Amino acid sequence: MDDRYEECELGADVTHLFKSDSGKVTVLVSVSLDAEDLARLEKLGRDSGTTVAQVIRDAIAAYQPETEAVSGQR
């Protein structure tokens, strides 16, 4: 168990204890999929040896026009 949990008090804002040092901000997006689409997505992840999230990120990157993808990179 992570020792940082011992520093937490019930109801207290402890976000600062768990922030990433990389400074990268992430957002969770919820999407409804039917069972068939979910199975295809999970199979793509297994077949490529990556996570479902990475499959989705790769698909978004492939969907963007080349100029937007390059200008959006940091």
N, C-alpha and C. Protein backbone atom coordinates (compact mmCIF):
# COMPACT_ATOMS: atom_id res chain seq x y z
N MET A 1 0.85 -1.19 0.00
CA MET A 1 0.00 0.00 0.00
C MET A 1 0.88 1.24 0.00
N ASP A 2 0.42 2.29 -0.65
CA ASP A 2 1.16 3.53 -0.77
C ASP A 2 1.14 4.29 0.56
N ASP A 3 2.31 4.73 1.03
CA ASP A 3 2.41 5.46 2.30
C ASP A 3 1.66 6.79 2.26
N ARG A 4 1.45 7.33 1.06
CA ARG A 4 0.74 8.61 0.96
C ARG A 4 -0.68 8.51 1.50
N TYR A 5 -1.26 7.33 1.45
CA TYR A 5 -2.63 7.16 1.96
C TYR A 5 -2.70 7.44 3.46
N GLU A 6 -1.62 7.20 4.17
CA GLU A 6 -1.61 7.44 5.61
C GLU A 6 -1.70 8.93 5.94
N GLU A 7 -1.32 9.79 4.97
CA GLU A 7 -1.37 11.23 5.17
C GLU A 7 -2.77 11.80 4.91
N CYS A 8 -3.68 11.00 4.42
CA CYS A 8 -5.01 11.46 4.02
C CYS A 8 -5.97 11.47 5.20
N GLU A 9 -6.75 12.53 5.26
CA GLU A 9 -7.82 12.61 6.24
C GLU A 9 -9.15 12.52 5.51
N LEU A 10 -10.10 11.82 6.08
CA LEU A 10 -11.40 11.65 5.46
C LEU A 10 -12.02 13.01 5.13
N GLY A 11 -12.37 13.19 3.87
CA GLY A 11 -13.02 14.43 3.43
C GLY A 11 -12.06 15.52 3.01
N ALA A 12 -10.77 15.34 3.22
CA ALA A 12 -9.78 16.37 2.88
C ALA A 12 -9.41 16.29 1.40
N ASP A 13 -9.07 17.42 0.80
CA ASP A 13 -8.59 17.45 -0.58
C ASP A 13 -7.13 17.00 -0.57
N VAL A 14 -6.86 15.85 -1.16
CA VAL A 14 -5.50 15.30 -1.15
C VAL A 14 -4.93 15.18 -2.57
N THR A 15 -5.50 15.95 -3.48
CA THR A 15 -5.06 15.90 -4.87
C THR A 15 -3.56 16.11 -5.00
N HIS A 16 -3.01 17.02 -4.24
CA HIS A 16 -1.59 17.34 -4.34
C HIS A 16 -0.70 16.14 -4.03
N LEU A 17 -1.18 15.20 -3.28
CA LEU A 17 -0.39 14.02 -2.93
C LEU A 17 -0.24 13.04 -4.10
N PHE A 18 -1.10 13.15 -5.07
CA PHE A 18 -1.14 12.14 -6.13
C PHE A 18 -0.93 12.72 -7.52
N LYS A 19 -0.53 13.97 -7.64
CA LYS A 19 -0.28 14.57 -8.94
C LYS A 19 0.99 14.00 -9.55
N SER A 20 0.97 13.89 -10.86
CA SER A 20 2.12 13.37 -11.60
C SER A 20 3.23 14.43 -11.65
N ASP A 21 4.46 13.97 -11.56
CA ASP A 21 5.60 14.88 -11.67
C ASP A 21 5.86 15.30 -13.12
N SER A 22 5.26 14.60 -14.07
CA SER A 22 5.51 14.90 -15.49
C SER A 22 4.84 16.20 -15.92
N GLY A 23 3.84 16.66 -15.18
CA GLY A 23 3.13 17.88 -15.55
C GLY A 23 2.10 17.65 -16.64
N LYS A 24 1.99 16.42 -17.14
CA LYS A 24 1.04 16.11 -18.19
C LYS A 24 -0.36 15.99 -17.58
N VAL A 25 -1.30 16.69 -18.17
CA VAL A 25 -2.68 16.65 -17.70
C VAL A 25 -3.45 15.65 -18.55
N THR A 26 -4.21 14.80 -17.92
CA THR A 26 -5.04 13.86 -18.65
C THR A 26 -6.50 14.07 -18.29
N VAL A 27 -7.37 13.64 -19.18
CA VAL A 27 -8.81 13.76 -18.98
C VAL A 27 -9.44 12.41 -19.31
N LEU A 28 -10.38 12.00 -18.52
CA LEU A 28 -11.10 10.76 -18.75
C LEU A 28 -12.35 11.07 -19.56
N VAL A 29 -12.53 10.36 -20.68
CA VAL A 29 -13.69 10.55 -21.54
C VAL A 29 -14.50 9.25 -21.52
N SER A 30 -15.78 9.37 -21.28
CA SER A 30 -16.66 8.21 -21.22
C SER A 30 -17.41 8.09 -22.54
N VAL A 31 -17.41 6.88 -23.11
CA VAL A 31 -18.08 6.64 -24.38
C VAL A 31 -18.92 5.37 -24.26
N SER A 32 -20.13 5.42 -24.76
CA SER A 32 -20.98 4.23 -24.76
C SER A 32 -20.70 3.42 -26.02
N LEU A 33 -20.43 2.13 -25.82
CA LEU A 33 -20.19 1.22 -26.94
C LEU A 33 -21.08 0.00 -26.76
N ASP A 34 -21.51 -0.56 -27.88
CA ASP A 34 -22.23 -1.82 -27.76
C ASP A 34 -21.20 -2.94 -27.57
N ALA A 35 -21.68 -4.11 -27.23
CA ALA A 35 -20.79 -5.23 -26.91
C ALA A 35 -19.87 -5.58 -28.08
N GLU A 36 -20.37 -5.50 -29.29
CA GLU A 36 -19.58 -5.84 -30.47
C GLU A 36 -18.42 -4.85 -30.66
N ASP A 37 -18.71 -3.56 -30.54
CA ASP A 37 -17.65 -2.54 -30.68
C ASP A 37 -16.61 -2.67 -29.57
N LEU A 38 -17.05 -2.93 -28.36
CA LEU A 38 -16.13 -3.11 -27.25
C LEU A 38 -15.22 -4.31 -27.50
N ALA A 39 -15.79 -5.40 -27.97
CA ALA A 39 -15.00 -6.60 -28.26
C ALA A 39 -13.97 -6.30 -29.34
N ARG A 40 -14.36 -5.57 -30.39
CA ARG A 40 -13.40 -5.20 -31.45
C ARG A 40 -12.28 -4.34 -30.90
N LEU A 41 -12.62 -3.38 -30.05
CA LEU A 41 -11.63 -2.49 -29.46
C LEU A 41 -10.65 -3.27 -28.58
N GLU A 42 -11.17 -4.15 -27.75
CA GLU A 42 -10.31 -4.96 -26.89
C GLU A 42 -9.42 -5.89 -27.70
N LYS A 43 -9.95 -6.45 -28.80
CA LYS A 43 -9.15 -7.32 -29.66
C LYS A 43 -8.03 -6.53 -30.33
N LEU A 44 -8.33 -5.32 -30.77
CA LEU A 44 -7.29 -4.47 -31.36
C LEU A 44 -6.16 -4.23 -30.37
N GLY A 45 -6.52 -3.99 -29.12
CA GLY A 45 -5.51 -3.80 -28.09
C GLY A 45 -4.67 -5.04 -27.86
N ARG A 46 -5.33 -6.18 -27.74
CA ARG A 46 -4.60 -7.44 -27.55
C ARG A 46 -3.68 -7.73 -28.73
N ASP A 47 -4.22 -7.58 -29.94
CA ASP A 47 -3.45 -7.90 -31.15
C ASP A 47 -2.24 -6.98 -31.33
N SER A 48 -2.38 -5.73 -30.90
CA SER A 48 -1.28 -4.78 -31.06
C SER A 48 -0.38 -4.72 -29.82
N GLY A 49 -0.77 -5.43 -28.77
CA GLY A 49 0.03 -5.45 -27.55
C GLY A 49 0.00 -4.14 -26.79
N THR A 50 -1.09 -3.38 -26.95
CA THR A 50 -1.23 -2.11 -26.25
C THR A 50 -2.53 -2.10 -25.46
N THR A 51 -2.76 -0.99 -24.79
CA THR A 51 -4.00 -0.82 -24.04
C THR A 51 -5.11 -0.31 -24.96
N VAL A 52 -6.33 -0.45 -24.50
CA VAL A 52 -7.47 0.09 -25.24
C VAL A 52 -7.31 1.60 -25.38
N ALA A 53 -6.86 2.25 -24.35
CA ALA A 53 -6.66 3.70 -24.40
C ALA A 53 -5.66 4.08 -25.49
N GLN A 54 -4.59 3.29 -25.63
CA GLN A 54 -3.59 3.60 -26.66
C GLN A 54 -4.16 3.37 -28.05
N VAL A 55 -4.98 2.35 -28.22
CA VAL A 55 -5.64 2.11 -29.51
C VAL A 55 -6.49 3.33 -29.88
N ILE A 56 -7.21 3.86 -28.91
CA ILE A 56 -8.06 5.03 -29.16
C ILE A 56 -7.21 6.25 -29.48
N ARG A 57 -6.13 6.47 -28.71
CA ARG A 57 -5.25 7.62 -29.00
C ARG A 57 -4.67 7.52 -30.41
N ASP A 58 -4.24 6.31 -30.79
CA ASP A 58 -3.68 6.11 -32.13
C ASP A 58 -4.73 6.37 -33.22
N ALA A 59 -5.97 5.94 -32.97
CA ALA A 59 -7.04 6.16 -33.94
C ALA A 59 -7.34 7.65 -34.09
N ILE A 60 -7.34 8.37 -32.99
CA ILE A 60 -7.57 9.83 -33.06
C ILE A 60 -6.45 10.50 -33.84
N ALA A 61 -5.22 10.11 -33.57
CA ALA A 61 -4.08 10.70 -34.27
C ALA A 61 -4.16 10.40 -35.76
N ALA A 62 -4.58 9.19 -36.13
CA ALA A 62 -4.69 8.82 -37.54
C ALA A 62 -5.84 9.56 -38.22
N TYR A 63 -6.85 9.92 -37.47
CA TYR A 63 -8.03 10.58 -38.00
C TYR A 63 -7.76 12.05 -38.31
N GLN A 64 -6.89 12.68 -37.57
CA GLN A 64 -6.61 14.11 -37.75
C GLN A 64 -5.87 14.37 -39.05
N PRO A 65 -6.19 15.45 -39.73
CA PRO A 65 -5.39 15.85 -40.89
C PRO A 65 -3.94 16.08 -40.44
N GLU A 66 -3.00 15.80 -41.32
CA GLU A 66 -1.57 15.87 -40.99
C GLU A 66 -1.17 17.23 -40.41
N THR A 67 -1.68 18.33 -40.94
CA THR A 67 -1.28 19.65 -40.46
C THR A 67 -1.71 19.87 -39.02
N GLU A 68 -2.91 19.41 -38.67
CA GLU A 68 -3.37 19.58 -37.30
C GLU A 68 -2.56 18.72 -36.34
N ALA A 69 -2.24 17.49 -36.74
CA ALA A 69 -1.49 16.59 -35.88
C ALA A 69 -0.11 17.16 -35.58
N VAL A 70 0.54 17.73 -36.59
CA VAL A 70 1.88 18.28 -36.39
C VAL A 70 1.82 19.54 -35.55
N SER A 71 0.87 20.44 -35.82
CA SER A 71 0.80 21.70 -35.07
C SER A 71 0.35 21.46 -33.63
N GLY A 72 -0.37 20.38 -33.38
CA GLY A 72 -0.85 20.09 -32.04
C GLY A 72 0.18 19.40 -31.16
N GLN A 73 1.29 18.93 -31.75
CA GLN A 73 2.32 18.25 -30.97
C GLN A 73 3.14 19.24 -30.20
N ARG A 74 3.58 18.83 -29.01
CA ARG A 74 4.42 19.72 -28.19
C ARG A 74 5.64 18.97 -27.76
